[in-house]
């Protein structure tokens, strides 16, 4: 019976120790109520960033689709002719225009993306939120823009 009491007491002590450690851990990670406003501020900054990124990627996608359809139309027109020299010039122009359009599209996306993230960083800094509130560590997973 003494052994049973010792086991029960040990289990109770282990349980109390674990509960105390959990309570301390929860208290350390809890956000004080005064910080709730700054967290909401970060949420507003995230919303603005995501909206700007959405507009930017939509423009990128539309411009990319336009570049492809323009190239297709130019190539189609090039192959309607029968002169080989004119064909070569038209094909070269089609691909040159496509490459320039894609380059411009990529540049515009990168500018939009950078602007959105820079504004976000400025906005979050103004929020004075607790460390770890922002999700900016994930920014490297953005679409690069070929």
N, C-alpha and C. Protein backbone atom coordinates (compact mmCIF):
# COMPACT_ATOMS: atom_id res chain seq x y z
N UNK A 1 0.82 -1.18 0.00
CA UNK A 1 0.00 0.00 0.00
C UNK A 1 0.87 1.25 0.00
N UNK A 2 1.98 1.22 0.73
CA UNK A 2 2.88 2.37 0.75
C UNK A 2 3.43 2.66 -0.64
N UNK A 3 3.70 1.64 -1.36
CA UNK A 3 4.20 1.82 -2.72
C UNK A 3 3.13 2.46 -3.60
N UNK A 4 1.88 2.08 -3.43
CA UNK A 4 0.77 2.63 -4.19
C UNK A 4 0.62 4.11 -3.87
N UNK A 5 0.75 4.51 -2.59
CA UNK A 5 0.65 5.91 -2.20
C UNK A 5 1.77 6.71 -2.85
N UNK A 6 2.98 6.15 -2.87
CA UNK A 6 4.13 6.84 -3.46
C UNK A 6 3.90 7.05 -4.97
N UNK A 7 3.34 6.08 -5.63
CA UNK A 7 3.07 6.19 -7.07
C UNK A 7 2.02 7.26 -7.31
N UNK A 8 0.96 7.27 -6.50
CA UNK A 8 -0.11 8.26 -6.66
C UNK A 8 0.43 9.66 -6.40
N UNK A 9 1.23 9.82 -5.36
CA UNK A 9 1.82 11.12 -5.04
C UNK A 9 2.75 11.56 -6.18
N UNK A 10 3.52 10.65 -6.71
CA UNK A 10 4.42 10.98 -7.83
C UNK A 10 3.62 11.43 -9.04
N UNK A 11 2.53 10.75 -9.33
CA UNK A 11 1.68 11.11 -10.48
C UNK A 11 1.08 12.50 -10.26
N UNK A 12 0.62 12.76 -9.05
CA UNK A 12 0.04 14.07 -8.74
C UNK A 12 1.09 15.16 -8.89
N UNK A 13 2.30 14.92 -8.38
CA UNK A 13 3.37 15.91 -8.48
C UNK A 13 3.76 16.17 -9.94
N UNK A 14 3.83 15.13 -10.72
CA UNK A 14 4.15 15.28 -12.14
C UNK A 14 3.05 16.09 -12.84
N UNK A 15 1.80 15.78 -12.50
CA UNK A 15 0.68 16.51 -13.08
C UNK A 15 0.70 17.98 -12.71
N UNK A 16 1.00 18.29 -11.45
CA UNK A 16 1.08 19.68 -11.00
C UNK A 16 2.23 20.42 -11.70
N UNK A 17 3.35 19.74 -11.82
CA UNK A 17 4.50 20.35 -12.48
C UNK A 17 4.19 20.65 -13.93
N UNK A 18 3.56 19.71 -14.62
CA UNK A 18 3.22 19.91 -16.03
C UNK A 18 2.19 21.03 -16.17
N UNK A 19 1.20 21.08 -15.27
CA UNK A 19 0.18 22.12 -15.33
C UNK A 19 0.80 23.49 -15.10
N UNK A 20 1.70 23.58 -14.13
CA UNK A 20 2.37 24.85 -13.84
C UNK A 20 3.22 25.29 -15.02
N UNK A 21 3.95 24.37 -15.62
CA UNK A 21 4.77 24.71 -16.78
C UNK A 21 3.91 25.16 -17.95
N UNK A 22 2.78 24.50 -18.16
CA UNK A 22 1.88 24.89 -19.24
C UNK A 22 1.30 26.28 -18.99
N UNK A 23 0.91 26.54 -17.75
CA UNK A 23 0.34 27.85 -17.41
C UNK A 23 1.36 28.96 -17.63
N UNK A 24 2.61 28.70 -17.23
CA UNK A 24 3.67 29.70 -17.44
C UNK A 24 3.89 29.92 -18.93
N UNK A 25 3.88 28.85 -19.71
CA UNK A 25 4.08 28.95 -21.15
C UNK A 25 2.93 29.72 -21.80
N UNK A 26 1.71 29.44 -21.40
CA UNK A 26 0.55 30.15 -21.95
C UNK A 26 0.58 31.62 -21.58
N UNK A 27 1.00 31.92 -20.36
CA UNK A 27 1.08 33.32 -19.94
C UNK A 27 2.16 34.06 -20.72
N UNK A 28 3.24 33.37 -21.02
CA UNK A 28 4.33 34.01 -21.75
C UNK A 28 3.95 34.31 -23.19
N UNK A 29 3.08 33.50 -23.79
CA UNK A 29 2.71 33.71 -25.18
C UNK A 29 1.40 34.49 -25.33
N UNK A 30 0.68 34.70 -24.23
CA UNK A 30 -0.57 35.46 -24.31
C UNK A 30 -0.25 36.91 -24.65
N UNK A 31 -1.11 37.50 -25.46
CA UNK A 31 -0.93 38.89 -25.87
C UNK A 31 -1.74 39.76 -24.92
N UNK A 32 -1.08 40.73 -24.28
CA UNK A 32 -1.84 41.62 -23.40
C UNK A 32 -2.95 42.33 -24.17
N UNK A 33 -4.04 42.66 -23.47
CA UNK A 33 -5.19 43.27 -24.13
C UNK A 33 -4.82 44.58 -24.82
N UNK A 34 -3.85 45.30 -24.31
CA UNK A 34 -3.45 46.56 -24.94
C UNK A 34 -2.82 46.33 -26.31
N UNK A 35 -2.37 45.13 -26.57
CA UNK A 35 -1.75 44.81 -27.85
C UNK A 35 -2.78 44.39 -28.89
N UNK A 36 -4.02 44.13 -28.48
CA UNK A 36 -5.04 43.71 -29.44
C UNK A 36 -5.25 44.75 -30.53
N UNK A 37 -5.15 46.03 -30.17
CA UNK A 37 -5.32 47.09 -31.15
C UNK A 37 -4.20 47.04 -32.17
N UNK A 38 -2.95 46.80 -31.72
CA UNK A 38 -1.85 46.75 -32.68
C UNK A 38 -1.93 45.51 -33.55
N UNK A 39 -2.49 44.44 -33.03
CA UNK A 39 -2.68 43.24 -33.86
C UNK A 39 -3.72 43.53 -34.94
N UNK A 40 -4.78 44.20 -34.58
CA UNK A 40 -5.79 44.59 -35.58
C UNK A 40 -5.17 45.51 -36.62
N UNK A 41 -4.28 46.37 -36.18
CA UNK A 41 -3.58 47.27 -37.11
C UNK A 41 -2.77 46.46 -38.12
N UNK A 42 -2.08 45.43 -37.64
CA UNK A 42 -1.31 44.56 -38.54
C UNK A 42 -2.26 43.85 -39.49
N UNK A 43 -3.42 43.44 -39.00
CA UNK A 43 -4.41 42.80 -39.86
C UNK A 43 -4.85 43.71 -40.99
N UNK A 44 -5.02 44.98 -40.67
CA UNK A 44 -5.39 45.96 -41.70
C UNK A 44 -4.26 46.11 -42.72
N UNK A 45 -3.03 46.12 -42.22
CA UNK A 45 -1.87 46.22 -43.12
C UNK A 45 -1.77 44.98 -44.02
N UNK A 46 -2.05 43.82 -43.46
CA UNK A 46 -2.03 42.57 -44.25
C UNK A 46 -3.11 42.63 -45.33
N UNK A 47 -4.31 43.10 -44.96
CA UNK A 47 -5.39 43.21 -45.94
C UNK A 47 -4.99 44.13 -47.10
N UNK A 48 -4.40 45.27 -46.78
CA UNK A 48 -3.98 46.21 -47.82
C UNK A 48 -2.90 45.60 -48.70
N UNK A 49 -1.94 44.90 -48.09
CA UNK A 49 -0.87 44.26 -48.86
C UNK A 49 -1.43 43.21 -49.80
N UNK A 50 -2.28 42.35 -49.27
CA UNK A 50 -2.84 41.27 -50.08
C UNK A 50 -3.69 41.82 -51.22
N UNK A 51 -4.41 42.89 -50.96
CA UNK A 51 -5.21 43.53 -52.01
C UNK A 51 -4.29 44.07 -53.11
N UNK A 52 -3.22 44.76 -52.70
CA UNK A 52 -2.27 45.30 -53.68
C UNK A 52 -1.59 44.19 -54.48
N UNK A 53 -1.24 43.11 -53.81
CA UNK A 53 -0.62 41.98 -54.50
C UNK A 53 -1.61 41.33 -55.47
N UNK A 54 -2.86 41.25 -55.07
CA UNK A 54 -3.89 40.69 -55.94
C UNK A 54 -4.06 41.52 -57.21
N UNK A 55 -4.08 42.83 -57.05
CA UNK A 55 -4.19 43.72 -58.21
C UNK A 55 -2.96 43.55 -59.11
N UNK A 56 -1.79 43.49 -58.48
CA UNK A 56 -0.54 43.35 -59.25
C UNK A 56 -0.45 42.05 -60.02
N UNK A 57 -0.82 40.95 -59.38
CA UNK A 57 -0.71 39.66 -60.06
C UNK A 57 -1.79 39.52 -61.14
N UNK A 58 -2.94 40.15 -60.92
CA UNK A 58 -3.98 40.15 -61.95
C UNK A 58 -3.49 40.89 -63.19
N UNK A 59 -2.86 42.04 -62.98
CA UNK A 59 -2.30 42.80 -64.11
C UNK A 59 -1.21 42.00 -64.80
N UNK A 60 -0.37 41.32 -64.03
CA UNK A 60 0.69 40.48 -64.58
C UNK A 60 0.10 39.37 -65.45
N UNK A 61 -0.91 38.71 -64.93
CA UNK A 61 -1.53 37.60 -65.68
C UNK A 61 -2.19 38.09 -66.97
N UNK A 62 -2.89 39.21 -66.88
CA UNK A 62 -3.55 39.76 -68.07
C UNK A 62 -2.51 40.18 -69.12
N UNK A 63 -1.45 40.85 -68.66
CA UNK A 63 -0.41 41.29 -69.60
C UNK A 63 0.30 40.09 -70.22
N UNK A 64 0.51 39.04 -69.44
CA UNK A 64 1.15 37.83 -69.97
C UNK A 64 0.25 37.19 -71.02
N UNK A 65 -1.03 37.09 -70.74
CA UNK A 65 -1.98 36.51 -71.70
C UNK A 65 -2.02 37.35 -72.97
N UNK A 66 -1.97 38.67 -72.83
CA UNK A 66 -1.97 39.55 -74.00
C UNK A 66 -0.71 39.35 -74.82
N UNK A 67 0.42 39.19 -74.15
CA UNK A 67 1.68 38.96 -74.86
C UNK A 67 1.60 37.68 -75.69
N UNK A 68 1.03 36.64 -75.12
CA UNK A 68 0.90 35.37 -75.85
C UNK A 68 -0.08 35.49 -77.02
N UNK A 69 -1.22 36.14 -76.78
CA UNK A 69 -2.20 36.24 -77.87
C UNK A 69 -1.70 37.15 -78.99
N UNK A 70 -0.96 38.19 -78.62
CA UNK A 70 -0.38 39.06 -79.64
C UNK A 70 0.65 38.31 -80.47
N UNK A 71 1.49 37.54 -79.78
CA UNK A 71 2.48 36.73 -80.50
C UNK A 71 1.79 35.75 -81.44
N UNK A 72 0.74 35.10 -80.95
CA UNK A 72 0.02 34.14 -81.78
C UNK A 72 -0.56 34.80 -83.02
N UNK A 73 -1.15 35.98 -82.84
CA UNK A 73 -1.73 36.69 -83.98
C UNK A 73 -0.65 37.10 -84.98
N UNK A 74 0.47 37.59 -84.47
CA UNK A 74 1.56 38.00 -85.36
C UNK A 74 2.14 36.80 -86.12
N UNK A 75 2.30 35.68 -85.41
CA UNK A 75 2.82 34.48 -86.09
C UNK A 75 1.82 33.95 -87.11
N UNK A 76 0.57 33.99 -86.75
CA UNK A 76 -0.46 33.54 -87.69
C UNK A 76 -0.39 34.38 -88.97
N UNK A 77 -0.30 35.68 -88.80
CA UNK A 77 -0.22 36.60 -89.94
C UNK A 77 1.06 36.33 -90.75
N UNK A 78 2.16 36.05 -90.05
CA UNK A 78 3.44 35.81 -90.73
C UNK A 78 3.35 34.60 -91.66
N UNK A 79 2.65 33.57 -91.21
CA UNK A 79 2.58 32.35 -92.00
C UNK A 79 1.50 32.37 -93.07
N UNK A 80 0.79 33.47 -93.19
CA UNK A 80 -0.17 33.59 -94.28
C UNK A 80 0.53 33.97 -95.59
N UNK A 81 1.70 34.57 -95.47
CA UNK A 81 2.43 34.99 -96.67
C UNK A 81 3.15 33.83 -97.33
N UNK A 82 3.73 34.11 -98.49
CA UNK A 82 4.44 33.05 -99.23
C UNK A 82 5.92 33.39 -99.43
N UNK A 83 6.34 34.57 -99.02
CA UNK A 83 7.72 35.00 -99.20
C UNK A 83 8.53 34.61 -97.96
N UNK A 84 9.60 33.81 -98.18
CA UNK A 84 10.41 33.30 -97.07
C UNK A 84 11.14 34.42 -96.33
N UNK A 85 11.65 35.40 -97.03
CA UNK A 85 12.36 36.50 -96.38
C UNK A 85 11.41 37.29 -95.48
N UNK A 86 10.22 37.57 -95.98
CA UNK A 86 9.23 38.29 -95.17
C UNK A 86 8.79 37.46 -93.96
N UNK A 87 8.69 36.15 -94.17
CA UNK A 87 8.32 35.25 -93.08
C UNK A 87 9.34 35.34 -91.95
N UNK A 88 10.62 35.25 -92.32
CA UNK A 88 11.68 35.29 -91.30
C UNK A 88 11.64 36.61 -90.52
N UNK A 89 11.45 37.71 -91.20
CA UNK A 89 11.38 39.02 -90.54
C UNK A 89 10.16 39.06 -89.61
N UNK A 90 9.04 38.60 -90.10
CA UNK A 90 7.81 38.64 -89.31
C UNK A 90 7.90 37.74 -88.07
N UNK A 91 8.49 36.55 -88.24
CA UNK A 91 8.66 35.63 -87.11
C UNK A 91 9.60 36.25 -86.08
N UNK A 92 10.69 36.82 -86.57
CA UNK A 92 11.65 37.45 -85.66
C UNK A 92 10.98 38.60 -84.90
N UNK A 93 10.20 39.41 -85.59
CA UNK A 93 9.49 40.52 -84.95
C UNK A 93 8.49 40.02 -83.92
N UNK A 94 7.81 38.94 -84.26
CA UNK A 94 6.83 38.36 -83.34
C UNK A 94 7.49 37.98 -82.02
N UNK A 95 8.60 37.26 -82.11
CA UNK A 95 9.31 36.81 -80.92
C UNK A 95 10.00 37.95 -80.18
N UNK A 96 10.52 38.92 -80.89
CA UNK A 96 11.16 40.08 -80.25
C UNK A 96 10.12 40.87 -79.46
N UNK A 97 8.97 41.12 -80.08
CA UNK A 97 7.90 41.84 -79.39
C UNK A 97 7.42 41.07 -78.16
N UNK A 98 7.33 39.76 -78.30
CA UNK A 98 6.90 38.92 -77.18
C UNK A 98 7.88 39.02 -76.01
N UNK A 99 9.17 38.90 -76.32
CA UNK A 99 10.19 38.97 -75.26
C UNK A 99 10.17 40.33 -74.57
N UNK A 100 10.01 41.39 -75.34
CA UNK A 100 9.94 42.74 -74.76
C UNK A 100 8.70 42.89 -73.87
N UNK A 101 7.59 42.38 -74.34
CA UNK A 101 6.35 42.46 -73.56
C UNK A 101 6.48 41.69 -72.26
N UNK A 102 7.05 40.48 -72.32
CA UNK A 102 7.23 39.67 -71.12
C UNK A 102 8.19 40.35 -70.14
N UNK A 103 9.23 40.96 -70.67
CA UNK A 103 10.20 41.66 -69.82
C UNK A 103 9.51 42.82 -69.09
N UNK A 104 8.72 43.58 -69.82
CA UNK A 104 7.98 44.71 -69.22
C UNK A 104 6.96 44.21 -68.20
N UNK A 105 6.28 43.14 -68.52
CA UNK A 105 5.30 42.55 -67.61
C UNK A 105 5.97 42.11 -66.32
N UNK A 106 7.08 41.44 -66.43
CA UNK A 106 7.82 40.98 -65.24
C UNK A 106 8.30 42.16 -64.41
N UNK A 107 8.81 43.18 -65.08
CA UNK A 107 9.29 44.37 -64.38
C UNK A 107 8.15 45.02 -63.60
N UNK A 108 7.00 45.15 -64.24
CA UNK A 108 5.84 45.78 -63.59
C UNK A 108 5.36 44.97 -62.38
N UNK A 109 5.37 43.65 -62.51
CA UNK A 109 4.96 42.80 -61.39
C UNK A 109 5.95 42.95 -60.23
N UNK A 110 7.23 42.92 -60.54
CA UNK A 110 8.23 43.06 -59.47
C UNK A 110 8.11 44.41 -58.77
N UNK A 111 7.84 45.47 -59.53
CA UNK A 111 7.65 46.79 -58.93
C UNK A 111 6.40 46.80 -58.04
N UNK A 112 5.32 46.22 -58.52
CA UNK A 112 4.08 46.17 -57.73
C UNK A 112 4.28 45.36 -56.45
N UNK A 113 4.95 44.24 -56.59
CA UNK A 113 5.20 43.37 -55.44
C UNK A 113 6.08 44.07 -54.41
N UNK A 114 7.15 44.70 -54.87
CA UNK A 114 8.05 45.42 -53.97
C UNK A 114 7.33 46.57 -53.28
N UNK A 115 6.54 47.31 -54.03
CA UNK A 115 5.80 48.43 -53.45
C UNK A 115 4.83 47.94 -52.38
N UNK A 116 4.13 46.85 -52.65
CA UNK A 116 3.17 46.32 -51.68
C UNK A 116 3.87 45.88 -50.40
N UNK A 117 4.98 45.17 -50.52
CA UNK A 117 5.71 44.71 -49.34
C UNK A 117 6.38 45.86 -48.59
N UNK A 118 6.90 46.84 -49.31
CA UNK A 118 7.52 47.99 -48.63
C UNK A 118 6.48 48.79 -47.85
N UNK A 119 5.32 49.01 -48.45
CA UNK A 119 4.25 49.73 -47.74
C UNK A 119 3.80 48.93 -46.54
N UNK A 120 3.70 47.63 -46.69
CA UNK A 120 3.31 46.77 -45.58
C UNK A 120 4.30 46.89 -44.42
N UNK A 121 5.58 46.85 -44.73
CA UNK A 121 6.59 46.95 -43.67
C UNK A 121 6.48 48.29 -42.95
N UNK A 122 6.27 49.35 -43.69
CA UNK A 122 6.10 50.68 -43.08
C UNK A 122 4.85 50.71 -42.21
N UNK A 123 3.76 50.17 -42.72
CA UNK A 123 2.50 50.15 -41.97
C UNK A 123 2.61 49.33 -40.69
N UNK A 124 3.26 48.17 -40.78
CA UNK A 124 3.41 47.30 -39.60
C UNK A 124 4.29 47.98 -38.56
N UNK A 125 5.33 48.63 -39.00
CA UNK A 125 6.21 49.33 -38.06
C UNK A 125 5.41 50.38 -37.28
N UNK A 126 4.52 51.07 -37.97
CA UNK A 126 3.69 52.09 -37.32
C UNK A 126 2.70 51.47 -36.33
N UNK A 127 2.36 50.20 -36.51
CA UNK A 127 1.41 49.53 -35.61
C UNK A 127 2.01 49.25 -34.23
N UNK A 128 3.33 49.16 -34.15
CA UNK A 128 4.02 48.84 -32.90
C UNK A 128 3.48 47.55 -32.28
N UNK A 129 3.31 46.56 -33.12
CA UNK A 129 2.77 45.27 -32.68
C UNK A 129 3.87 44.42 -32.05
N UNK A 130 3.47 43.44 -31.23
CA UNK A 130 4.46 42.55 -30.63
C UNK A 130 5.20 41.73 -31.70
N UNK A 131 6.42 41.33 -31.38
CA UNK A 131 7.20 40.51 -32.30
C UNK A 131 6.43 39.24 -32.65
N UNK A 132 6.57 38.80 -33.87
CA UNK A 132 5.92 37.58 -34.31
C UNK A 132 4.49 37.78 -34.79
N UNK A 133 4.02 39.03 -34.80
CA UNK A 133 2.65 39.30 -35.25
C UNK A 133 2.55 39.27 -36.76
N UNK A 134 3.60 39.71 -37.43
CA UNK A 134 3.59 39.81 -38.88
C UNK A 134 3.92 38.47 -39.54
N UNK A 135 3.44 38.29 -40.75
CA UNK A 135 3.71 37.08 -41.52
C UNK A 135 4.78 37.31 -42.59
N UNK A 136 5.56 38.37 -42.47
CA UNK A 136 6.49 38.75 -43.54
C UNK A 136 7.60 37.74 -43.77
N UNK A 137 7.80 36.80 -42.86
CA UNK A 137 8.81 35.76 -43.09
C UNK A 137 8.45 34.87 -44.28
N UNK A 138 7.21 34.93 -44.72
CA UNK A 138 6.75 34.10 -45.84
C UNK A 138 6.85 34.80 -47.18
N UNK A 139 7.41 35.99 -47.21
CA UNK A 139 7.42 36.79 -48.45
C UNK A 139 8.21 36.13 -49.57
N UNK A 140 9.12 35.23 -49.24
CA UNK A 140 9.91 34.57 -50.29
C UNK A 140 9.11 33.56 -51.10
N UNK A 141 7.88 33.31 -50.72
CA UNK A 141 7.07 32.36 -51.49
C UNK A 141 6.20 33.05 -52.54
N UNK A 142 6.41 34.35 -52.74
CA UNK A 142 5.68 35.09 -53.75
C UNK A 142 6.06 34.63 -55.15
N UNK A 143 5.16 34.80 -56.08
CA UNK A 143 5.41 34.52 -57.48
C UNK A 143 6.53 35.44 -57.96
N UNK A 144 7.54 34.88 -58.62
CA UNK A 144 8.68 35.68 -59.03
C UNK A 144 8.42 36.55 -60.24
N UNK A 145 7.67 36.10 -61.14
CA UNK A 145 7.47 36.83 -62.39
C UNK A 145 8.60 36.52 -63.34
N UNK A 146 8.35 35.66 -64.27
CA UNK A 146 9.42 35.16 -65.14
C UNK A 146 9.87 36.23 -66.04
